[in-house]
Amino acid sequence: MEASGSEASSQSQREEQNAPTGQGEDGSKLKKAHLKRTLSTKKKKTKKAAVSRSARVNYTVHQGEDMLLVISNASSQYDDSVWAPKRKGSKKKKLSRENTKNIQTKRKRTVCAKRKVETKVSVEEQELSMFAFSQETDDQRWGQNLPVEVLVNIFQMVVSQDNAVPFLCRVGRVCRLWNAAASSPILWRTVTLGHCWIPPGKSQLPKTEKKIQDTVTWLAQNRFSQLRDFALCHWTKNVDFTLQAVSQFCPHLGSIKLSYCSGLTAKAFQSLGLHSRALHSINIQYSEFQVEGLLEYLENHGSQIKEISFTHGLKNDKLLAALNRGCCPDLELLEVNTKLDSKDGELPVCIQALQTACPKLKTFRMLNVRPLHKTMRNGVDSSPGFPCLEELCIATTSYSYMTDKDLLGILFASTKLRILDLRGCSRITPYGLAQLPCPDLECLFWGQYFNSHVGLPSLKRDFHLVTQLWGRTLQQLDLANQVFTEEDLELAMGYLAAQTKTLRSLNLSGTRITLRGVRYVISRMHALDYLNLSSCRYLPRGLKKIYRGQEEIQQLLDKLKELV
């Protein structure tokens, strides 16, 4: 518009110069028309200048003690662009070429006007907005500015609780810094792989199987250079392939655990024998494997094995016979278990042969298994025993054949015993326990769980012999559902309270403990932080519960004082 006005004024000036001076009235008319045009152009210019206005600032800045707060004034981020629905029945008007040109020029002018208005923002507001933006970017990039050592320590805390896979695989995709921290070999020393590629109950496609093998191979080559402990859970395929890859690329592999896996053949054990020279622990409980392959491995490389765990079965019992022959002379841990719903729980064991073949055994566990003692064929009765044994577990949920004589035959030389688990062994008596040569016993578990053979006459007295012998060193004591008399329990608790200063856990659920016996326990055992008094028939209803922590136990003591 300004350009058109200037052109019109220049053209009028030319006409004035070219017009004759002696025309009279016609000349005055032309002058008046020229003045009207110039006035109209000036008015239009002033109108356009009035349209310009200062931009509205949509934020305020508050200065705090150590930071600047930028607070938005707008109620919504979409206030400037409000959407309105079109009216029904509205018809589009046909636009001519002239109208479309006028609309386009108007749009261009309004856009230019907006740009001019936006450029009039003060320099101070721009600096504040840039400062706020820089703070936001710094807050968003805090993880990228941390040292790698700090990230490794943080990841190590998570890995110790939630496992390395899939956590490290996910955080490695965040950025390059996190990828470098997640690829640290220290974080990949303990790895457990669960079968998460296919949903349960569906078959595995060939593409999926190829993807699994590629993933395992990449992890073994790029992440498992310092792998120590490796575990597989619920794998039904690719078990051989995985163990072969791990054994080839992991020279420091020391422990293998297979839980509910199947398809393990002799090829995997052969690969372990060739490459894994540091392997010392094998756990194959609840897994299906080729027994002959493991037997061959134990005969050739059993001298390096210190821990072995397997599930009781018709074929798996051959492993126990191989141990009795001396395949693993440095064995320190032996664990044999069975399923809770298993009907065949009897395990023939020659304790004397095992004592001779494994004199360094420290932990011996037979969980939910009923051991049947066998004698040696050569008739030799003397054996070195288990002089290094520290833990013996013969716990079962059903009946047990274990007697005082059998228990003494296992522990006659075990002077270092710390943990004794006899849950379900109803034929053991307090007199038999008092004969054991274990002066520093710390944990005694003698509860009767799901056992129909409790209540024998031999278990109703003389428990004070046990507390008198081990009251000084006991830290955990479990007597759940034992049927000792009230007088015998009060006497036993009196001996225990007079000697012990280290007892932390006491389970008396289902017993005949009285208020007097509980008072003996609480008033003198200051380290006690767990007390189970549930289902105790000789206690008031309000006291029959589990107490955790010294505060709850102190509240129980206050209630007992009020009752007395």
Protein backbone atom coordinates (compact mmCIF):
# COMPACT_ATOMS: atom_id res chain seq x y z
CA MET A 1 0.00 0.00 0.00
CA GLU A 2 2.80 2.42 0.76
CA ALA A 3 4.41 1.74 -2.59
CA SER A 4 1.14 2.33 -4.47
CA GLY A 5 0.57 5.60 -2.60
CA SER A 6 4.02 6.92 -3.48
CA GLU A 7 3.53 6.02 -7.15
CA ALA A 8 0.20 7.85 -7.20
CA SER A 9 1.70 11.01 -5.66
CA SER A 10 4.61 11.06 -8.12
CA GLN A 11 2.23 10.59 -11.04
CA SER A 12 0.03 13.47 -9.85
CA GLN A 13 3.07 15.72 -9.60
CA ARG A 14 3.97 14.94 -13.20
CA GLU A 15 0.44 15.79 -14.35
CA GLU A 16 0.68 19.12 -12.59
CA GLN A 17 3.88 19.93 -14.35
CA ASN A 18 2.51 18.91 -17.74
CA ALA A 19 -0.86 20.66 -17.25
CA PRO A 20 -1.28 24.22 -18.69
CA THR A 21 -1.24 27.08 -16.20
CA GLY A 22 -3.95 29.17 -17.75
CA GLN A 23 -6.96 26.79 -17.54
CA GLY A 24 -8.87 28.54 -14.65
CA GLU A 25 -11.51 26.34 -12.97
CA ASP A 26 -10.23 23.06 -14.44
CA GLY A 27 -6.87 23.60 -12.84
CA SER A 28 -8.34 24.24 -9.40
CA LYS A 29 -10.36 21.01 -9.62
CA LEU A 30 -7.26 19.01 -10.38
CA LYS A 31 -5.46 20.51 -7.40
CA LYS A 32 -8.35 19.58 -5.08
CA ALA A 33 -8.35 15.96 -6.32
CA HIS A 34 -4.62 15.76 -5.82
CA LEU A 35 -4.94 17.01 -2.21
CA LYS A 36 -7.65 14.43 -1.47
CA ARG A 37 -5.43 11.60 -2.71
CA THR A 38 -2.46 12.67 -0.62
CA LEU A 39 -4.63 13.01 2.50
CA SER A 40 -6.13 9.54 1.98
CA THR A 41 -2.70 7.96 1.64
CA LYS A 42 -1.49 9.67 4.82
CA LYS A 43 -4.54 8.53 6.75
CA LYS A 44 -3.96 4.96 5.64
CA LYS A 45 -0.34 5.17 6.74
CA THR A 46 -1.30 6.35 10.19
CA LYS A 47 -3.86 3.57 10.51
CA LYS A 48 -1.25 0.97 9.75
CA ALA A 49 1.12 2.40 12.33
CA ALA A 50 -1.63 2.22 14.95
CA VAL A 51 -2.04 -1.54 14.37
CA SER A 52 1.39 -2.31 15.83
CA ARG A 53 1.31 -3.20 19.55
CA SER A 54 3.68 -4.72 22.09
CA ALA A 55 3.73 -8.50 22.51
CA ARG A 56 2.22 -10.05 25.59
CA VAL A 57 4.79 -11.88 27.75
CA ASN A 58 3.36 -15.26 28.79
CA TYR A 59 5.68 -15.88 31.76
CA THR A 60 7.02 -14.21 34.90
CA VAL A 61 10.42 -14.52 36.52
CA HIS A 62 10.82 -14.88 40.30
CA GLN A 63 14.21 -14.74 41.95
CA GLY A 64 14.72 -17.27 44.75
CA GLU A 65 17.58 -17.81 47.11
CA ASP A 66 19.79 -19.74 44.69
CA MET A 67 17.83 -20.03 41.45
CA LEU A 68 15.51 -18.22 39.01
CA LEU A 69 11.96 -19.54 38.63
CA VAL A 70 10.26 -19.06 35.26
CA ILE A 71 6.48 -19.42 35.76
CA SER A 72 4.04 -19.52 32.86
CA ASN A 73 1.06 -17.11 32.96
CA ALA A 74 -0.95 -18.89 30.31
CA SER A 75 -3.68 -21.18 31.54
CA SER A 76 -3.16 -23.57 28.67
CA GLN A 77 -0.55 -24.03 26.05
CA TYR A 78 -3.27 -24.07 23.40
CA ASP A 79 -4.92 -20.69 24.22
CA ASP A 80 -3.53 -18.93 21.15
CA SER A 81 -4.84 -21.53 18.75
CA VAL A 82 -8.44 -22.24 19.68
CA TRP A 83 -10.18 -24.71 17.44
CA ALA A 84 -13.81 -24.04 16.54
CA PRO A 85 -16.01 -26.57 14.76
CA LYS A 86 -17.43 -25.71 11.38
CA ARG A 87 -21.10 -24.86 11.12
CA LYS A 88 -23.33 -27.42 9.54
CA GLY A 89 -24.77 -26.50 6.19
CA SER A 90 -22.22 -23.81 5.44
CA LYS A 91 -21.40 -23.57 1.79
CA LYS A 92 -18.09 -22.71 0.37
CA LYS A 93 -18.09 -19.50 -1.64
CA LYS A 94 -16.50 -19.47 -4.99
CA LEU A 95 -13.65 -17.03 -5.04
CA SER A 96 -12.57 -15.13 -8.06
CA ARG A 97 -8.97 -14.62 -8.97
CA GLU A 98 -9.00 -11.04 -7.68
CA ASN A 99 -10.41 -12.08 -4.31
CA THR A 100 -7.86 -14.88 -3.90
CA LYS A 101 -5.05 -12.45 -4.67
CA ASN A 102 -6.36 -10.00 -2.09
CA ILE A 103 -6.62 -12.76 0.55
CA GLN A 104 -3.08 -13.93 -0.13
CA THR A 105 -1.73 -10.39 0.21
CA LYS A 106 -3.60 -9.94 3.49
CA ARG A 107 -2.19 -13.18 4.87
CA LYS A 108 1.31 -12.19 3.91
CA ARG A 109 0.91 -8.82 5.53
CA THR A 110 -0.40 -10.27 8.79
CA VAL A 111 2.48 -12.71 8.91
CA CYS A 112 4.95 -9.93 8.42
CA ALA A 113 3.25 -7.87 11.11
CA LYS A 114 3.54 -10.81 13.58
CA ARG A 115 7.20 -11.21 12.84
CA LYS A 116 7.79 -7.56 13.49
CA VAL A 117 5.93 -7.78 16.78
CA GLU A 118 7.89 -10.84 17.88
CA THR A 119 11.17 -9.13 17.21
CA LYS A 120 10.28 -6.36 19.62
CA VAL A 121 10.72 -8.60 22.69
CA SER A 122 13.20 -7.10 25.10
CA VAL A 123 16.77 -8.41 25.28
CA GLU A 124 16.44 -9.16 28.99
CA GLU A 125 13.47 -11.50 28.43
CA GLN A 126 15.42 -13.37 25.74
CA GLU A 127 18.34 -13.85 28.07
CA LEU A 128 16.08 -15.18 30.83
CA SER A 129 14.37 -17.59 28.46
CA MET A 130 17.73 -18.85 27.21
CA PHE A 131 18.90 -19.30 30.81
CA ALA A 132 15.79 -21.32 31.68
CA PHE A 133 16.23 -23.46 28.58
CA SER A 134 19.85 -24.15 29.43
CA GLN A 135 18.82 -25.24 32.93
CA GLU A 136 16.20 -27.61 31.50
CA THR A 137 18.70 -29.18 29.11
CA ASP A 138 21.24 -29.59 31.94
CA ASP A 139 18.59 -31.30 34.09
CA GLN A 140 17.68 -33.65 31.26
CA ARG A 141 21.31 -34.59 30.59
CA TRP A 142 22.36 -35.31 34.17
CA GLY A 143 22.85 -38.99 33.37
CA GLN A 144 25.15 -38.17 30.45
CA ASN A 145 27.47 -36.08 32.62
CA LEU A 146 28.10 -38.70 35.33
CA PRO A 147 31.49 -40.46 35.42
CA VAL A 148 31.49 -44.00 34.14
CA GLU A 149 32.69 -45.32 37.51
CA VAL A 150 29.65 -43.84 39.27
CA LEU A 151 27.26 -45.39 36.74
CA VAL A 152 28.96 -48.77 37.11
CA ASN A 153 28.49 -48.66 40.89
CA ILE A 154 24.82 -47.73 40.49
CA PHE A 155 24.24 -50.51 37.96
CA GLN A 156 26.02 -52.98 40.23
CA MET A 157 23.54 -52.29 43.04
CA VAL A 158 20.64 -53.00 40.70
CA VAL A 159 22.27 -56.11 39.25
CA SER A 160 22.83 -57.57 42.72
CA GLN A 161 19.07 -57.43 43.32
CA ASP A 162 17.40 -57.80 39.90
CA ASN A 163 20.01 -59.74 37.88
CA ALA A 164 22.07 -58.55 34.93
CA VAL A 165 19.56 -59.64 32.27
CA PRO A 166 17.50 -57.88 31.02
CA PHE A 167 18.45 -54.75 33.02
CA LEU A 168 21.89 -54.18 31.47
CA CYS A 169 20.56 -54.90 27.98
CA ARG A 170 17.92 -52.18 28.39
CA VAL A 171 20.04 -49.44 29.96
CA GLY A 172 22.68 -50.01 27.30
CA ARG A 173 20.29 -48.52 24.73
CA VAL A 174 19.88 -45.17 26.51
CA CYS A 175 23.03 -43.42 25.27
CA ARG A 176 26.68 -44.10 24.53
CA LEU A 177 27.79 -43.34 28.07
CA TRP A 178 25.31 -45.77 29.59
CA ASN A 179 26.23 -48.34 26.99
CA ALA A 180 29.87 -48.07 27.98
CA ALA A 181 28.98 -48.46 31.66
CA ALA A 182 26.59 -51.38 31.03
CA SER A 183 29.23 -53.24 29.00
CA SER A 184 31.68 -53.31 31.93
CA PRO A 185 32.73 -56.95 32.51
CA ILE A 186 32.42 -56.53 36.29
CA LEU A 187 28.64 -56.30 35.97
CA TRP A 188 28.40 -59.58 34.04
CA ARG A 189 29.99 -61.93 36.58
CA THR A 190 26.65 -63.44 37.65
CA VAL A 191 24.01 -64.02 34.96
CA THR A 192 20.68 -65.83 34.99
CA LEU A 193 18.80 -66.38 31.73
CA GLY A 194 15.11 -67.11 31.89
CA HIS A 195 13.21 -68.46 28.90
CA CYS A 196 11.41 -65.24 27.86
CA TRP A 197 11.38 -65.46 24.04
CA ILE A 198 8.12 -67.35 23.64
CA PRO A 199 4.98 -67.48 25.79
CA PRO A 200 4.44 -70.71 27.74
CA GLY A 201 2.59 -73.48 25.97
CA LYS A 202 3.60 -72.43 22.45
CA SER A 203 6.12 -74.07 20.16
CA GLN A 204 9.38 -72.41 19.18
CA LEU A 205 9.66 -71.31 15.57
CA PRO A 206 12.92 -71.80 13.63
CA LYS A 207 13.41 -68.02 13.32
CA THR A 208 13.00 -67.63 17.06
CA GLU A 209 15.45 -70.45 17.72
CA LYS A 210 18.01 -68.83 15.39
CA LYS A 211 17.52 -65.50 17.16
CA ILE A 212 18.09 -67.14 20.55
CA GLN A 213 21.31 -68.75 19.39
CA ASP A 214 22.60 -65.49 17.90
CA THR A 215 21.80 -63.61 21.11
CA VAL A 216 23.54 -66.17 23.29
CA THR A 217 26.59 -66.18 21.05
CA TRP A 218 26.83 -62.37 21.05
CA LEU A 219 26.50 -62.21 24.84
CA ALA A 220 29.16 -64.89 25.31
CA GLN A 221 31.60 -63.14 22.96
CA ASN A 222 31.03 -59.51 24.03
CA ARG A 223 29.82 -59.56 27.65
CA PHE A 224 30.79 -62.81 29.40
CA SER A 225 34.55 -62.39 29.46
CA GLN A 226 34.59 -62.41 33.30
CA LEU A 227 31.52 -64.59 33.90
CA ARG A 228 31.71 -66.61 37.12
CA ASP A 229 28.19 -67.89 37.87
CA PHE A 230 25.76 -68.87 35.11
CA ALA A 231 22.18 -70.14 35.47
CA LEU A 232 19.41 -71.27 33.12
CA CYS A 233 15.76 -71.47 34.21
CA HIS A 234 12.92 -73.27 32.39
CA TRP A 235 14.81 -73.96 29.17
CA THR A 236 13.57 -76.88 27.09
CA LYS A 237 15.66 -76.25 23.96
CA ASN A 238 19.11 -74.90 23.10
CA VAL A 239 20.50 -75.98 26.48
CA ASP A 240 23.42 -77.82 24.89
CA PHE A 241 24.13 -74.91 22.51
CA THR A 242 24.09 -72.37 25.36
CA LEU A 243 26.42 -74.36 27.61
CA GLN A 244 28.82 -74.98 24.75
CA ALA A 245 28.94 -71.26 23.86
CA VAL A 246 29.40 -70.23 27.50
CA SER A 247 32.14 -72.78 28.13
CA GLN A 248 34.08 -71.75 25.00
CA PHE A 249 34.09 -67.99 25.62
CA CYS A 250 34.09 -67.87 29.45
CA PRO A 251 37.44 -69.07 30.83
CA HIS A 252 36.59 -68.02 34.41
CA LEU A 253 33.31 -69.97 34.62
CA GLY A 254 33.05 -71.49 38.08
CA SER A 255 29.38 -72.33 38.72
CA ILE A 256 26.52 -73.71 36.60
CA LYS A 257 22.90 -73.98 37.70
CA LEU A 258 20.13 -75.57 35.63
CA SER A 259 16.64 -75.27 37.11
CA TYR A 260 13.70 -77.02 35.42
CA CYS A 261 15.65 -77.51 32.19
CA SER A 262 15.58 -80.43 29.79
CA GLY A 263 17.54 -81.67 26.80
CA LEU A 264 20.99 -81.67 28.40
CA THR A 265 23.17 -84.30 26.72
CA ALA A 266 26.75 -85.51 26.94
CA LYS A 267 27.94 -82.89 24.39
CA ALA A 268 27.50 -80.10 26.90
CA PHE A 269 29.46 -81.98 29.59
CA GLN A 270 32.23 -82.75 27.10
CA SER A 271 32.50 -79.06 26.21
CA LEU A 272 32.65 -78.16 29.91
CA GLY A 273 35.44 -80.66 30.40
CA LEU A 274 37.48 -79.26 27.52
CA HIS A 275 37.14 -75.53 28.19
CA SER A 276 35.93 -74.89 31.78
CA ARG A 277 38.96 -75.67 33.91
CA ALA A 278 37.77 -73.43 36.75
CA LEU A 279 34.34 -75.06 37.11
CA HIS A 280 33.77 -76.23 40.70
CA SER A 281 29.97 -76.15 41.24
CA ILE A 282 27.20 -78.01 39.38
CA ASN A 283 23.51 -77.66 40.30
CA ILE A 284 21.08 -79.65 38.16
CA GLN A 285 18.10 -79.91 40.50
CA TYR A 286 14.66 -80.43 38.92
CA SER A 287 16.27 -80.84 35.48
CA GLU A 288 16.37 -83.67 32.98
CA PHE A 289 19.82 -84.63 31.76
CA GLN A 290 21.80 -87.55 30.41
CA VAL A 291 23.19 -89.27 33.50
CA GLU A 292 25.89 -91.09 31.57
CA GLY A 293 27.35 -87.82 30.29
CA LEU A 294 27.60 -86.38 33.81
CA LEU A 295 29.10 -89.61 35.16
CA GLU A 296 31.78 -89.51 32.46
CA TYR A 297 32.53 -85.90 33.30
CA LEU A 298 32.87 -86.69 37.04
CA GLU A 299 35.19 -89.60 36.36
CA ASN A 300 37.50 -87.43 34.25
CA HIS A 301 37.20 -84.03 35.95
CA GLY A 302 35.65 -84.78 39.33
CA SER A 303 38.75 -83.69 41.19
CA GLN A 304 37.92 -80.02 40.49
CA ILE A 305 34.28 -80.26 41.63
CA LYS A 306 33.57 -78.95 45.16
CA GLU A 307 29.78 -78.54 45.07
CA ILE A 308 27.14 -80.74 43.46
CA SER A 309 23.34 -80.71 43.80
CA PHE A 310 20.82 -83.00 42.12
CA THR A 311 17.28 -84.31 42.52
CA HIS A 312 16.55 -87.82 43.76
CA GLY A 313 15.44 -90.24 41.05
CA LEU A 314 15.90 -93.77 39.78
CA LYS A 315 18.68 -92.80 37.35
CA ASN A 316 20.12 -89.92 39.32
CA ASP A 317 21.00 -92.15 42.27
CA LYS A 318 23.92 -93.41 40.20
CA LEU A 319 25.60 -90.09 40.96
CA LEU A 320 25.64 -90.91 44.66
CA ALA A 321 27.26 -94.28 43.89
CA ALA A 322 29.93 -92.47 41.82
CA LEU A 323 30.63 -90.16 44.76
CA ASN A 324 31.03 -93.14 47.06
CA ARG A 325 33.69 -94.48 44.72
CA GLY A 326 35.78 -91.33 45.20
CA CYS A 327 35.18 -89.36 42.00
CA CYS A 328 35.13 -86.06 43.89
CA PRO A 329 37.66 -86.24 46.72
CA ASP A 330 37.54 -82.46 47.38
CA LEU A 331 33.74 -82.24 47.58
CA GLU A 332 32.54 -79.67 50.14
CA LEU A 333 28.79 -79.43 49.46
CA LEU A 334 26.37 -82.27 48.65
CA GLU A 335 22.63 -81.62 48.33
CA VAL A 336 20.04 -84.20 47.35
CA ASN A 337 16.37 -83.22 47.26
CA THR A 338 13.08 -84.37 45.80
CA LYS A 339 9.75 -82.85 44.93
CA LEU A 340 7.22 -82.30 47.71
CA ASP A 341 4.60 -84.45 45.96
CA SER A 342 7.02 -87.24 45.19
CA LYS A 343 5.95 -90.68 46.40
CA ASP A 344 9.39 -92.26 46.14
CA GLY A 345 11.44 -90.48 48.81
CA GLU A 346 13.60 -93.33 50.10
CA LEU A 347 17.30 -92.90 49.37
CA PRO A 348 19.73 -95.73 50.16
CA VAL A 349 22.93 -94.13 51.47
CA CYS A 350 26.15 -95.72 52.69
CA ILE A 351 27.35 -93.08 55.14
CA GLN A 352 30.64 -94.83 55.86
CA ALA A 353 31.61 -95.01 52.17
CA LEU A 354 30.69 -91.35 51.72
CA GLN A 355 32.77 -90.35 54.76
CA THR A 356 35.75 -92.17 53.33
CA ALA A 357 35.34 -90.79 49.80
CA CYS A 358 34.56 -87.15 50.79
CA PRO A 359 36.44 -86.32 54.00
CA LYS A 360 36.34 -82.55 53.26
CA LEU A 361 32.55 -82.32 53.16
CA LYS A 362 31.27 -79.18 54.93
CA THR A 363 27.56 -79.10 53.96
CA PHE A 364 25.39 -82.22 53.68
CA ARG A 365 21.70 -81.74 52.85
CA MET A 366 19.04 -84.36 52.24
CA LEU A 367 15.81 -82.37 51.74
CA ASN A 368 12.49 -84.24 51.89
CA VAL A 369 14.39 -87.49 51.48
CA ARG A 370 14.20 -90.50 53.80
CA PRO A 371 17.76 -91.89 53.95
CA LEU A 372 18.14 -95.63 54.38
CA HIS A 373 21.49 -96.50 55.92
CA LYS A 374 23.55 -99.19 54.21
CA THR A 375 26.69 -100.91 55.41
CA MET A 376 29.89 -101.36 53.44
CA ARG A 377 30.41 -104.68 51.67
CA ASN A 378 33.92 -105.26 52.98
CA GLY A 379 32.61 -105.10 56.55
CA VAL A 380 34.91 -102.26 57.65
CA ASP A 381 33.19 -100.36 60.45
CA SER A 382 35.80 -97.68 61.04
CA SER A 383 35.55 -94.45 59.04
CA PRO A 384 37.03 -90.98 59.46
CA GLY A 385 33.60 -89.37 59.71
CA PHE A 386 33.00 -85.78 58.63
CA PRO A 387 35.54 -83.76 60.61
CA CYS A 388 34.94 -80.59 58.54
CA LEU A 389 31.12 -80.77 58.52
CA GLU A 390 29.43 -77.48 59.45
CA GLU A 391 25.83 -78.03 58.30
CA LEU A 392 23.65 -81.14 58.34
CA CYS A 393 20.09 -81.01 57.01
CA ILE A 394 17.78 -84.04 57.06
CA ALA A 395 14.49 -82.13 56.92
CA THR A 396 11.33 -83.84 55.64
CA THR A 397 7.60 -83.16 55.52
CA SER A 398 6.68 -86.80 56.10
CA TYR A 399 7.90 -89.52 58.45
CA SER A 400 11.59 -90.22 58.93
CA TYR A 401 13.61 -93.33 59.76
CA MET A 402 16.41 -91.34 61.40
CA THR A 403 17.20 -92.50 64.95
CA ASP A 404 19.64 -91.39 67.61
CA LYS A 405 22.10 -94.07 66.56
CA ASP A 406 21.98 -93.09 62.91
CA LEU A 407 22.50 -89.44 63.77
CA LEU A 408 25.47 -90.21 65.96
CA GLY A 409 26.95 -92.35 63.17
CA ILE A 410 26.95 -89.29 60.90
CA LEU A 411 28.18 -86.71 63.41
CA PHE A 412 30.51 -88.64 65.69
CA ALA A 413 33.55 -86.70 64.39
CA SER A 414 31.84 -83.39 63.46
CA THR A 415 33.12 -81.06 66.15
CA LYS A 416 32.73 -77.99 63.91
CA LEU A 417 28.99 -78.38 63.33
CA ARG A 418 27.09 -75.05 63.36
CA ILE A 419 23.68 -75.82 61.77
CA LEU A 420 21.53 -78.90 62.49
CA ASP A 421 18.17 -79.22 60.70
CA LEU A 422 16.06 -82.15 61.93
CA ARG A 423 12.57 -80.96 60.96
CA GLY A 424 10.25 -83.93 60.69
CA CYS A 425 12.63 -86.33 62.45
CA SER A 426 10.22 -87.48 65.15
CA ARG A 427 12.37 -90.41 66.36
CA ILE A 428 15.22 -88.22 67.55
CA THR A 429 15.20 -87.66 71.31
CA PRO A 430 16.75 -84.95 73.52
CA TYR A 431 19.03 -87.58 75.02
CA GLY A 432 20.38 -88.43 71.53
CA LEU A 433 21.04 -84.75 70.83
CA ALA A 434 22.86 -84.36 74.12
CA GLN A 435 25.30 -87.11 73.07
CA LEU A 436 26.51 -85.31 69.96
CA PRO A 437 30.11 -83.98 70.03
CA CYS A 438 29.11 -80.52 68.77
CA PRO A 439 29.88 -77.95 71.46
CA ASP A 440 29.33 -74.80 69.37
CA LEU A 441 25.97 -75.41 67.70
CA GLU A 442 24.33 -72.15 66.58
CA CYS A 443 21.10 -73.19 64.81
CA LEU A 444 18.79 -76.06 65.79
CA PHE A 445 15.64 -76.66 63.71
CA TRP A 446 13.54 -79.41 65.25
CA GLY A 447 9.97 -78.47 64.37
CA GLN A 448 7.38 -81.02 63.29
CA TYR A 449 5.62 -79.83 60.13
CA PHE A 450 2.86 -81.86 58.44
CA ASN A 451 3.92 -84.91 60.38
CA SER A 452 1.46 -87.45 61.76
CA HIS A 453 4.04 -89.11 63.99
CA VAL A 454 4.39 -86.37 66.58
CA GLY A 455 3.46 -86.91 70.17
CA LEU A 456 5.67 -89.86 70.98
CA PRO A 457 6.29 -90.42 74.72
CA SER A 458 10.07 -90.01 74.33
CA LEU A 459 9.60 -86.43 73.15
CA LYS A 460 7.75 -85.18 76.21
CA ARG A 461 10.61 -84.66 78.60
CA ASP A 462 14.31 -83.89 79.04
CA PHE A 463 14.51 -81.01 76.61
CA HIS A 464 16.40 -79.08 79.26
CA LEU A 465 19.40 -81.30 78.38
CA VAL A 466 19.54 -79.63 74.97
CA THR A 467 19.28 -76.05 76.25
CA GLN A 468 21.79 -76.80 78.99
CA LEU A 469 24.29 -78.06 76.40
CA TRP A 470 23.88 -75.41 73.69
CA GLY A 471 22.31 -72.50 75.54
CA ARG A 472 25.55 -70.53 75.42
CA THR A 473 25.91 -70.57 71.59
CA LEU A 474 22.38 -70.94 70.18
CA GLN A 475 21.21 -68.15 67.84
CA GLN A 476 18.14 -69.80 66.27
CA LEU A 477 15.85 -72.40 67.85
CA ASP A 478 12.79 -73.99 66.23
CA LEU A 479 10.49 -76.22 68.34
CA ALA A 480 7.26 -75.86 66.37
CA ASN A 481 4.55 -78.43 67.25
CA GLN A 482 6.75 -80.30 69.72
CA VAL A 483 4.75 -81.82 72.60
CA PHE A 484 6.98 -81.29 75.58
CA THR A 485 5.18 -80.76 78.88
CA GLU A 486 4.67 -77.33 80.42
CA GLU A 487 7.07 -78.03 83.28
CA ASP A 488 9.78 -79.29 80.95
CA LEU A 489 9.50 -76.22 78.68
CA GLU A 490 9.66 -73.86 81.68
CA LEU A 491 12.77 -75.62 82.94
CA ALA A 492 14.37 -75.57 79.47
CA MET A 493 13.59 -71.87 78.96
CA GLY A 494 15.09 -71.15 82.39
CA TYR A 495 18.39 -72.81 81.42
CA LEU A 496 18.31 -71.03 78.06
CA ALA A 497 17.67 -67.59 79.56
CA ALA A 498 20.39 -68.03 82.17
CA GLN A 499 23.11 -68.84 79.61
CA THR A 500 22.33 -67.36 76.22
CA LYS A 501 23.08 -63.82 75.12
CA THR A 502 23.03 -64.44 71.38
CA LEU A 503 19.58 -65.98 70.70
CA ARG A 504 17.90 -63.99 67.92
CA SER A 505 15.05 -66.25 66.74
CA LEU A 506 12.74 -68.55 68.76
CA ASN A 507 9.82 -70.51 67.30
CA LEU A 508 7.45 -71.97 69.91
CA SER A 509 4.31 -72.20 67.79
CA GLY A 510 2.01 -75.10 68.66
CA THR A 511 3.83 -75.91 71.91
CA ARG A 512 2.65 -75.92 75.53
CA ILE A 513 4.64 -72.92 76.59
CA THR A 514 3.16 -70.96 79.49
CA LEU A 515 3.24 -67.29 80.52
CA ARG A 516 5.98 -68.03 83.00
CA GLY A 517 8.15 -69.66 80.34
CA VAL A 518 7.60 -66.74 77.95
CA ARG A 519 8.59 -64.31 80.72
CA TYR A 520 11.84 -66.23 81.23
CA VAL A 521 12.61 -65.87 77.54
CA ILE A 522 11.79 -62.19 77.09
CA SER A 523 13.17 -60.72 80.29
CA ARG A 524 16.75 -61.97 79.82
CA MET A 525 17.23 -62.44 76.05
CA HIS A 526 18.00 -58.91 74.94
CA ALA A 527 19.14 -59.87 71.41
CA LEU A 528 15.83 -61.59 70.55
CA ASP A 529 14.10 -60.00 67.54
CA TYR A 530 11.77 -62.85 66.38
CA LEU A 531 9.32 -64.78 68.57
CA ASN A 532 6.57 -67.07 67.27
CA LEU A 533 3.81 -67.81 69.79
CA SER A 534 1.04 -68.68 67.36
CA SER A 535 -1.25 -71.63 68.22
CA CYS A 536 0.11 -71.91 71.78
CA ARG A 537 -2.80 -73.42 73.70
CA TYR A 538 -1.75 -72.27 77.18
CA LEU A 539 -1.52 -68.56 76.31
CA PRO A 540 -4.30 -65.94 76.14
CA ARG A 541 -5.74 -65.21 72.72
CA GLY A 542 -4.28 -61.75 72.52
CA LEU A 543 -0.74 -63.09 72.82
CA LYS A 544 -0.93 -65.86 70.21
CA LYS A 545 0.88 -64.26 67.30
CA ILE A 546 4.29 -63.62 65.74
CA TYR A 547 6.44 -60.81 67.17
CA ARG A 548 9.03 -59.21 64.93
CA GLY A 549 11.49 -56.67 66.22
CA GLN A 550 12.59 -55.73 69.71
CA GLU A 551 9.88 -53.07 70.03
CA GLU A 552 7.05 -55.58 69.68
CA ILE A 553 8.79 -57.97 72.06
CA GLN A 554 9.14 -55.16 74.62
CA GLN A 555 5.43 -54.42 74.29
CA LEU A 556 4.74 -58.11 74.96
CA LEU A 557 6.84 -57.92 78.10
CA ASP A 558 4.79 -54.93 79.33
CA LYS A 559 1.56 -56.88 78.76
CA LEU A 560 2.93 -59.84 80.73
CA LYS A 561 3.76 -57.56 83.65
CA GLU A 562 0.19 -56.24 83.64
CA LEU A 563 -1.23 -59.76 83.58
CA VAL A 564 0.89 -60.81 86.55
